[in-house]
Amino acid sequence: MPYLAPFPLDPCPMEESTAASPDWSKLPSDVLTTVLGELEFPDLFRAADVCTSWRATSRSLRCLGIYSRPQTPCLLYTTAAAGPRAAELFSLADKKVYRARLPDPPIGERNIVGSSHGWLVTADARSELHLLNPATGEQVALPSVATIEKVSPVFDPAGNLERYDLSLYGEEPQPYAVDELRGVLYLKVVLSCDPSLGDCTVVVIHNPYRDISFARIGDEKWHWIASSQPEPPRYSDCIFGDDGALYAMNLLGGIHRYAIEGSTTTRNMIFKDTSPFIAHNLYIAKTSYGDVLQIWRIKISTSGEQEEIHTARVDIFKADFDSQQIVPVRTLGDDALFIGHNWTCCLSTKDYPKLLPNHVYFTDDDEYGLMDGCRDVGIINLEDQSANDVVSPQPWLNWPVPVWIIPSFNKIHK
């Protein structure tokens, strides 16, 4: 199985041909770099097997961090065969699996709580957050969990971290083991951009009440967005807009716009609450043609030896800002939608022809999901709400949860 990073592909045997053919190894290096740089990574890896010069150019593109061609999404997961220090990526471009060997702490021992712009957001056994790029092997530590509002570290007499206390409004703090807090605290993490581009803001939706905190890469602490209302907003999802602002949707479908400046924010409610009841599986996305969507994921439970919850349908509405109402969306047209722990996004199949138009690609993001049972992963056709597996049989372990990722070979440290 080919490896993504940080090592080059294992050599593959090549068949010799006696037929006369062009000597592709003689292509000028600048031309070859330009041509290979336009290929998606599965084709780039195959091109590396043409000859020694192509292999060297392919390796240089990736190792130097100058390979920036947009990639078709992949499903990232762990398997018993790959071991705890590697992840596998199922490419939707060529329906093949690639393996990435990753730095410590082992990916199999982390929680995955976000995926944006080619980077995973993971929580380690001490409940600390890290950014991790599986395509390059780069890793960045984020501010300590102890700086998140309502979280208090508790130390034993020797000064060792013993546990964390999570404060609830008007109630006694709840104690959590060091490795237990991550499963309770983090709901979703979103990035404003690829960290390799600089000035990246990281936003965390977290408990106790689905609050939002943010930090820039390099900050020493998280900045909590305090609510000016008696009741906390309780956010379900958030995205960054083209204007650089954060757009957060609450559990009632309302949308708040946050302009982030330094360690402060300015909030405006731009779309009123539209749901008559709290909806936990609610997402916000922007189509390739500019509409803002409110996405409802409807789950049902199945009985048997072990109860399982799976996605039965996905209902999509357009947020009409003029009327402050939601309007049913019958089709996404050429767009494909991705939901789960990943940054919720619509991609045009005109730009990503291997994707299915008017389909929803989903992964499990149940905050109360257990390590046992089958993970809720698949593809839904919005035309008739029929569902299909991404891969069958499912090869992944149940923990950490599988997640969509758009590989990025850009590097922070070039």
Protein backbone atom coordinates (compact mmCIF):
# COMPACT_ATOMS: atom_id res chain seq x y z
CA MET A 1 0.00 0.00 0.00
CA PRO A 2 1.49 3.41 -0.93
CA TYR A 3 2.38 5.87 1.81
CA LEU A 4 1.35 9.51 1.87
CA ALA A 5 3.83 11.02 4.28
CA PRO A 6 6.38 11.70 5.50
CA PHE A 7 8.02 9.02 3.37
CA PRO A 8 7.96 8.57 -0.42
CA LEU A 9 6.22 5.71 -2.16
CA ASP A 10 7.67 2.27 -1.87
CA PRO A 11 9.25 1.27 -5.21
CA CYS A 12 6.96 -0.64 -7.56
CA PRO A 13 8.28 -3.09 -10.17
CA MET A 14 8.08 -1.84 -13.74
CA GLU A 15 7.58 -3.95 -16.82
CA GLU A 16 10.16 -3.48 -19.53
CA SER A 17 8.94 -2.82 -23.05
CA THR A 18 10.85 -3.51 -26.24
CA ALA A 19 8.67 -1.15 -28.26
CA ALA A 20 10.15 2.20 -29.20
CA SER A 21 8.74 5.01 -27.10
CA PRO A 22 9.64 8.58 -26.19
CA ASP A 23 12.27 8.99 -23.50
CA TRP A 24 10.13 10.78 -20.93
CA SER A 25 13.09 11.05 -18.58
CA LYS A 26 14.53 13.74 -20.90
CA LEU A 27 11.74 16.26 -20.16
CA PRO A 28 13.15 19.56 -18.86
CA SER A 29 12.86 19.75 -15.07
CA ASP A 30 10.76 22.95 -15.10
CA VAL A 31 8.28 21.44 -17.56
CA LEU A 32 8.11 18.21 -15.57
CA THR A 33 7.56 20.09 -12.32
CA THR A 34 4.70 22.07 -13.88
CA VAL A 35 3.05 18.97 -15.37
CA LEU A 36 3.32 16.82 -12.24
CA GLY A 37 2.20 19.72 -10.05
CA GLU A 38 -1.18 19.70 -11.82
CA LEU A 39 -1.91 16.07 -10.97
CA GLU A 40 -3.96 14.90 -8.00
CA PHE A 41 -1.86 12.93 -5.53
CA PRO A 42 -2.94 9.43 -6.71
CA ASP A 43 -1.79 10.30 -10.25
CA LEU A 44 1.32 12.00 -8.88
CA PHE A 45 2.22 8.82 -7.01
CA ARG A 46 1.71 6.71 -10.13
CA ALA A 47 3.79 9.15 -12.17
CA ALA A 48 6.64 8.58 -9.74
CA ASP A 49 6.96 5.03 -11.08
CA VAL A 50 7.65 6.12 -14.66
CA CYS A 51 11.39 6.66 -14.18
CA THR A 52 14.02 7.90 -11.73
CA SER A 53 13.75 11.57 -12.73
CA TRP A 54 9.96 11.57 -12.39
CA ARG A 55 10.26 9.91 -8.98
CA ALA A 56 12.77 12.55 -7.86
CA THR A 57 10.55 15.41 -9.08
CA SER A 58 7.48 13.91 -7.43
CA ARG A 59 9.34 13.56 -4.16
CA SER A 60 10.69 17.12 -4.35
CA LEU A 61 7.23 18.57 -4.96
CA ARG A 62 5.94 16.97 -1.78
CA CYS A 63 8.99 17.28 0.45
CA LEU A 64 9.54 20.95 -0.35
CA GLY A 65 5.90 21.82 0.32
CA ILE A 66 5.35 23.38 -3.11
CA TYR A 67 2.73 20.89 -4.26
CA SER A 68 -0.47 22.89 -3.80
CA ARG A 69 -2.88 21.34 -6.30
CA PRO A 70 -6.45 21.13 -4.81
CA GLN A 71 -7.31 17.53 -3.89
CA THR A 72 -10.50 15.48 -3.95
CA PRO A 73 -11.64 14.60 -0.40
CA CYS A 74 -10.59 11.37 1.26
CA LEU A 75 -12.06 9.39 4.13
CA LEU A 76 -9.45 9.09 6.90
CA TYR A 77 -9.64 6.28 9.45
CA THR A 78 -7.52 3.86 11.45
CA THR A 79 -7.30 0.09 11.02
CA ALA A 80 -5.86 -2.79 12.99
CA ALA A 81 -3.58 -3.62 10.06
CA ALA A 82 -2.07 -0.13 9.93
CA GLY A 83 -1.43 -0.04 13.68
CA PRO A 84 -1.89 2.84 16.14
CA ARG A 85 0.72 5.12 14.51
CA ALA A 86 -0.75 5.24 11.01
CA ALA A 87 -3.98 6.29 9.32
CA GLU A 88 -5.47 5.14 6.05
CA LEU A 89 -7.11 7.42 3.51
CA PHE A 90 -9.70 6.17 1.05
CA SER A 91 -9.46 8.48 -1.95
CA LEU A 92 -12.73 9.41 -3.65
CA ALA A 93 -10.63 10.30 -6.71
CA ASP A 94 -9.49 6.77 -7.55
CA LYS A 95 -11.29 4.61 -4.93
CA LYS A 96 -7.98 3.35 -3.56
CA VAL A 97 -6.45 3.36 -0.09
CA TYR A 98 -3.28 5.19 0.96
CA ARG A 99 -1.47 4.99 4.26
CA ALA A 100 0.09 7.83 6.27
CA ARG A 101 2.59 7.19 9.04
CA LEU A 102 2.04 9.88 11.64
CA PRO A 103 4.04 11.38 14.53
CA ASP A 104 3.40 10.66 18.18
CA PRO A 105 1.24 10.61 20.16
CA PRO A 106 -0.24 7.65 18.25
CA ILE A 107 -3.25 8.61 16.14
CA GLY A 108 -5.02 5.49 17.41
CA GLU A 109 -4.94 6.93 20.92
CA ARG A 110 -6.35 10.36 20.02
CA ASN A 111 -9.84 11.74 19.57
CA ILE A 112 -10.46 13.41 16.20
CA VAL A 113 -12.57 16.51 16.78
CA GLY A 114 -12.13 18.45 13.54
CA SER A 115 -10.85 18.49 9.97
CA SER A 116 -10.28 21.67 7.98
CA HIS A 117 -8.11 22.69 5.03
CA GLY A 118 -6.15 19.43 5.08
CA TRP A 119 -5.47 19.40 8.82
CA LEU A 120 -6.91 17.16 11.51
CA VAL A 121 -7.65 18.52 14.97
CA THR A 122 -6.97 15.86 17.58
CA ALA A 123 -7.16 15.58 21.37
CA ASP A 124 -4.47 13.48 23.04
CA ALA A 125 -4.62 11.40 26.23
CA ARG A 126 -4.06 14.55 28.31
CA SER A 127 -7.01 16.24 26.55
CA GLU A 128 -4.64 18.67 24.79
CA LEU A 129 -5.40 19.73 21.21
CA HIS A 130 -3.02 19.36 18.26
CA LEU A 131 -3.23 20.22 14.58
CA LEU A 132 -1.96 17.35 12.43
CA ASN A 133 -1.44 17.24 8.68
CA PRO A 134 -1.50 13.58 7.56
CA ALA A 135 -0.15 14.45 4.10
CA THR A 136 3.03 16.13 5.39
CA GLY A 137 3.40 14.77 8.92
CA GLU A 138 3.53 18.28 10.38
CA GLN A 139 2.03 18.85 13.81
CA VAL A 140 1.25 22.00 15.80
CA ALA A 141 0.29 22.19 19.48
CA LEU A 142 -2.63 24.46 20.35
CA PRO A 143 -3.11 26.39 23.62
CA SER A 144 -3.57 24.27 26.72
CA VAL A 145 -6.99 22.92 27.62
CA ALA A 146 -6.45 24.48 31.06
CA THR A 147 -6.95 27.93 29.46
CA ILE A 148 -10.45 27.14 28.20
CA GLU A 149 -13.17 28.88 30.18
CA LYS A 150 -14.82 26.71 32.85
CA VAL A 151 -11.91 24.21 32.86
CA SER A 152 -9.74 24.06 35.98
CA PRO A 153 -6.74 21.74 36.41
CA VAL A 154 -6.43 20.01 39.79
CA PHE A 155 -3.00 18.91 41.02
CA ASP A 156 -1.98 16.39 43.66
CA PRO A 157 0.36 17.34 46.57
CA ALA A 158 3.40 16.49 44.44
CA GLY A 159 2.32 18.94 41.74
CA ASN A 160 1.23 16.32 39.22
CA LEU A 161 -1.93 16.86 37.20
CA GLU A 162 -4.61 14.75 38.83
CA ARG A 163 -7.83 15.70 37.02
CA TYR A 164 -9.82 18.52 35.49
CA ASP A 165 -12.91 20.19 36.91
CA LEU A 166 -15.54 21.46 34.48
CA SER A 167 -17.69 24.22 35.95
CA LEU A 168 -21.42 24.38 35.26
CA TYR A 169 -23.52 27.49 35.66
CA GLY A 170 -24.86 27.61 39.22
CA GLU A 171 -23.75 24.05 39.99
CA GLU A 172 -20.80 22.29 41.56
CA PRO A 173 -17.85 21.62 39.18
CA GLN A 174 -17.81 18.14 37.68
CA PRO A 175 -14.52 16.19 37.98
CA TYR A 176 -13.06 14.39 34.95
CA ALA A 177 -9.98 12.23 34.57
CA VAL A 178 -7.21 13.76 32.48
CA ASP A 179 -7.98 11.53 29.49
CA GLU A 180 -11.75 11.66 30.05
CA LEU A 181 -12.27 15.40 29.67
CA ARG A 182 -11.64 15.40 25.91
CA GLY A 183 -14.66 13.18 25.27
CA VAL A 184 -16.92 15.57 27.15
CA LEU A 185 -15.44 18.98 26.36
CA TYR A 186 -14.76 19.10 22.61
CA LEU A 187 -17.65 19.02 20.14
CA LYS A 188 -16.13 20.44 16.95
CA VAL A 189 -13.08 22.42 15.86
CA VAL A 190 -12.87 24.54 12.68
CA LEU A 191 -9.94 26.43 11.10
CA SER A 192 -10.17 29.73 9.24
CA CYS A 193 -7.59 28.68 6.61
CA ASP A 194 -4.70 26.37 5.87
CA PRO A 195 -2.16 27.05 8.66
CA SER A 196 0.62 27.09 6.07
CA LEU A 197 -0.84 30.36 4.75
CA GLY A 198 -0.37 32.08 8.11
CA ASP A 199 -2.72 33.96 10.47
CA CYS A 200 -4.91 30.91 11.06
CA THR A 201 -7.68 31.15 13.64
CA VAL A 202 -8.88 27.99 15.38
CA VAL A 203 -12.44 27.89 16.75
CA VAL A 204 -13.68 25.31 19.24
CA ILE A 205 -17.32 24.52 19.99
CA HIS A 206 -17.15 23.06 23.47
CA ASN A 207 -19.10 22.21 26.57
CA PRO A 208 -20.44 22.81 29.18
CA TYR A 209 -23.00 24.68 27.06
CA ARG A 210 -21.80 24.49 23.46
CA ASP A 211 -19.78 27.66 23.91
CA ILE A 212 -17.24 29.02 21.43
CA SER A 213 -13.59 29.78 22.15
CA PHE A 214 -10.91 30.77 19.66
CA ALA A 215 -7.16 31.17 19.37
CA ARG A 216 -4.63 31.94 16.69
CA ILE A 217 -1.78 29.54 16.10
CA GLY A 218 0.96 30.65 18.47
CA ASP A 219 -1.40 32.07 21.11
CA GLU A 220 -0.84 31.02 24.72
CA LYS A 221 -4.52 30.79 25.68
CA TRP A 222 -8.05 30.30 24.37
CA HIS A 223 -10.35 33.31 24.18
CA TRP A 224 -13.88 32.58 25.31
CA ILE A 225 -16.78 34.31 23.56
CA ALA A 226 -19.03 35.21 26.47
CA SER A 227 -22.76 35.48 25.83
CA SER A 228 -24.52 38.78 26.52
CA GLN A 229 -27.79 36.90 26.99
CA PRO A 230 -28.98 35.08 30.15
CA GLU A 231 -29.04 31.80 28.25
CA PRO A 232 -25.96 30.61 26.31
CA PRO A 233 -26.40 30.39 22.49
CA ARG A 234 -25.60 26.62 22.34
CA TYR A 235 -23.97 26.30 18.94
CA SER A 236 -24.24 23.29 16.65
CA ASP A 237 -21.83 24.21 13.85
CA CYS A 238 -19.77 27.07 12.44
CA ILE A 239 -17.92 28.09 9.28
CA PHE A 240 -15.72 30.97 8.21
CA GLY A 241 -17.05 33.24 5.48
CA ASP A 242 -15.22 34.80 2.56
CA ASP A 243 -15.10 38.02 4.59
CA GLY A 244 -13.04 36.33 7.31
CA ALA A 245 -15.89 36.44 9.84
CA LEU A 246 -17.15 33.42 11.77
CA TYR A 247 -20.74 32.31 11.12
CA ALA A 248 -22.11 30.13 13.93
CA MET A 249 -25.46 28.31 13.90
CA ASN A 250 -27.21 27.51 17.17
CA LEU A 251 -29.42 24.55 17.98
CA LEU A 252 -32.52 26.51 16.92
CA GLY A 253 -31.15 27.40 13.49
CA GLY A 254 -30.22 31.00 14.29
CA ILE A 255 -27.00 32.35 12.75
CA HIS A 256 -24.62 34.71 14.54
CA ARG A 257 -21.81 36.55 12.75
CA TYR A 258 -18.62 37.16 14.74
CA ALA A 259 -15.99 39.62 13.58
CA ILE A 260 -12.78 38.55 15.34
CA GLU A 261 -10.21 41.24 16.08
CA GLY A 262 -7.30 40.31 18.30
CA SER A 263 -8.73 38.65 21.39
CA THR A 264 -12.16 40.30 21.08
CA THR A 265 -15.25 39.72 18.96
CA THR A 266 -18.26 41.68 17.75
CA ARG A 267 -21.48 39.69 17.41
CA ASN A 268 -24.45 40.32 15.14
CA MET A 269 -27.50 38.09 14.82
CA ILE A 270 -28.04 37.88 11.07
CA PHE A 271 -30.63 35.10 10.98
CA LYS A 272 -33.28 34.47 13.59
CA ASP A 273 -34.05 31.14 15.26
CA THR A 274 -36.27 29.10 12.94
CA SER A 275 -36.63 25.72 14.64
CA PRO A 276 -39.44 25.14 17.16
CA PHE A 277 -37.26 22.61 18.99
CA ILE A 278 -33.58 21.95 19.74
CA ALA A 279 -31.84 20.06 16.93
CA HIS A 280 -28.41 18.64 17.73
CA ASN A 281 -27.62 17.39 14.21
CA LEU A 282 -27.76 20.79 12.55
CA TYR A 283 -25.10 22.13 10.16
CA ILE A 284 -24.31 25.32 8.28
CA ALA A 285 -22.66 25.44 4.87
CA LYS A 286 -22.26 27.72 1.87
CA THR A 287 -22.86 26.42 -1.65
CA SER A 288 -20.43 27.00 -4.49
CA TYR A 289 -22.93 29.52 -5.87
CA GLY A 290 -23.20 31.52 -2.63
CA ASP A 291 -26.35 30.34 -0.80
CA VAL A 292 -26.15 29.70 2.94
CA LEU A 293 -27.68 26.37 3.93
CA GLN A 294 -29.28 25.00 7.08
CA ILE A 295 -28.81 21.23 7.04
CA TRP A 296 -30.83 18.77 9.11
CA ARG A 297 -29.48 15.27 9.64
CA ILE A 298 -32.25 12.87 10.65
CA LYS A 299 -31.08 9.78 12.55
CA ILE A 300 -32.99 6.65 13.59
CA SER A 301 -32.05 3.75 15.82
CA THR A 302 -32.20 0.12 14.77
CA SER A 303 -32.90 -2.73 17.13
CA GLY A 304 -30.99 -5.97 17.33
CA GLU A 305 -28.26 -7.56 19.40
CA GLN A 306 -26.76 -4.08 19.67
CA GLU A 307 -28.70 -0.88 19.09
CA GLU A 308 -27.22 1.25 16.33
CA ILE A 309 -28.01 4.78 15.20
CA HIS A 310 -27.70 5.69 11.55
CA THR A 311 -28.55 8.56 9.23
CA ALA A 312 -31.95 8.03 7.59
CA ARG A 313 -32.21 11.24 5.57
CA VAL A 314 -30.76 14.73 5.14
CA ASP A 315 -33.06 17.73 4.73
CA ILE A 316 -31.61 20.97 3.37
CA PHE A 317 -32.95 24.50 3.56
CA LYS A 318 -31.72 27.82 2.22
CA ALA A 319 -31.46 30.68 4.73
CA ASP A 320 -33.41 33.55 3.15
CA PHE A 321 -31.93 36.56 4.94
CA ASP A 322 -34.48 38.99 3.51
CA SER A 323 -37.54 37.14 4.81
CA GLN A 324 -35.70 35.59 7.78
CA GLN A 325 -37.22 32.24 6.83
CA ILE A 326 -35.83 28.92 5.66
CA VAL A 327 -36.75 27.66 2.18
CA PRO A 328 -36.62 23.94 1.27
CA VAL A 329 -33.85 23.05 -1.17
CA ARG A 330 -34.84 20.24 -3.54
CA THR A 331 -31.44 19.82 -5.16
CA LEU A 332 -27.85 20.92 -4.68
CA GLY A 333 -27.34 20.97 -8.43
CA ASP A 334 -23.70 20.26 -9.22
CA ASP A 335 -22.61 20.50 -5.59
CA ALA A 336 -21.66 17.67 -3.23
CA LEU A 337 -22.02 18.23 0.52
CA PHE A 338 -19.71 16.93 3.27
CA ILE A 339 -20.86 16.73 6.90
CA GLY A 340 -19.45 15.24 10.09
CA HIS A 341 -16.54 16.33 12.27
CA ASN A 342 -15.08 17.96 9.18
CA TRP A 343 -15.56 21.59 8.23
CA THR A 344 -19.04 21.49 6.65
CA CYS A 345 -18.62 22.34 2.97
CA CYS A 346 -20.11 22.16 -0.52
CA LEU A 347 -17.80 21.32 -3.41
CA SER A 348 -18.70 21.76 -7.05
CA THR A 349 -18.42 18.57 -9.08
CA LYS A 350 -17.32 20.77 -11.97
CA ASP A 351 -14.11 21.32 -10.00
CA TYR A 352 -14.10 17.83 -8.46
CA PRO A 353 -15.47 15.55 -11.20
CA LYS A 354 -14.97 12.34 -9.20
CA LEU A 355 -17.62 13.43 -6.69
CA LEU A 356 -21.31 12.72 -7.12
CA PRO A 357 -23.51 15.79 -7.66
CA ASN A 358 -26.51 16.30 -5.37
CA HIS A 359 -25.11 13.81 -2.85
CA VAL A 360 -24.25 14.13 0.84
CA TYR A 361 -21.09 12.47 2.13
CA PHE A 362 -21.42 11.95 5.88
CA THR A 363 -19.45 10.57 8.82
CA ASP A 364 -20.39 9.94 12.42
CA ASP A 365 -20.08 12.91 14.77
CA ASP A 366 -22.32 11.79 17.62
CA GLU A 367 -20.95 13.52 20.72
CA TYR A 368 -22.29 10.70 22.88
CA GLY A 369 -21.21 7.90 20.56
CA LEU A 370 -19.65 4.82 22.12
CA MET A 371 -16.52 2.98 21.03
CA ASP A 372 -18.62 -0.11 20.32
CA GLY A 373 -21.06 -0.53 17.45
CA CYS A 374 -20.93 0.40 13.78
CA ARG A 375 -19.94 3.92 12.80
CA ASP A 376 -22.45 5.97 10.81
CA VAL A 377 -20.61 6.61 7.53
CA GLY A 378 -22.01 6.75 4.00
CA ILE A 379 -23.32 8.67 1.01
CA ILE A 380 -26.91 9.86 0.51
CA ASN A 381 -28.49 10.66 -2.84
CA LEU A 382 -30.70 13.69 -2.21
CA GLU A 383 -32.93 12.84 -5.16
CA ASP A 384 -34.47 9.83 -3.38
CA GLN A 385 -32.68 9.81 0.02
CA SER A 386 -31.13 6.41 -0.77
CA ALA A 387 -27.91 5.64 1.09
CA ASN A 388 -24.80 3.68 0.14
CA ASP A 389 -21.58 2.70 1.89
CA VAL A 390 -18.36 4.50 1.06
CA VAL A 391 -16.41 1.26 1.45
CA SER A 392 -17.88 -2.20 2.00
CA PRO A 393 -17.16 -4.00 4.22
CA GLN A 394 -16.19 -1.18 6.54
CA PRO A 395 -12.45 -1.53 7.23
CA TRP A 396 -12.06 1.04 10.00
CA LEU A 397 -11.80 0.79 13.74
CA ASN A 398 -14.59 2.50 15.66
CA TRP A 399 -12.16 4.82 17.42
CA PRO A 400 -11.00 7.38 16.55
CA VAL A 401 -14.02 8.28 14.44
CA PRO A 402 -13.55 8.32 10.63
CA VAL A 403 -13.52 11.82 9.16
CA TRP A 404 -13.50 13.53 5.76
CA ILE A 405 -10.33 15.39 4.88
CA ILE A 406 -9.16 17.30 1.82
CA PRO A 407 -5.42 16.51 1.73
CA SER A 408 -3.05 19.46 1.68
CA PHE A 409 0.64 19.08 0.87
CA ASN A 410 1.44 22.68 1.79
CA LYS A 411 3.98 23.01 4.58
CA ILE A 412 4.28 25.51 7.40
CA HIS A 413 8.01 24.97 7.78
CA LYS A 414 9.40 25.14 4.26
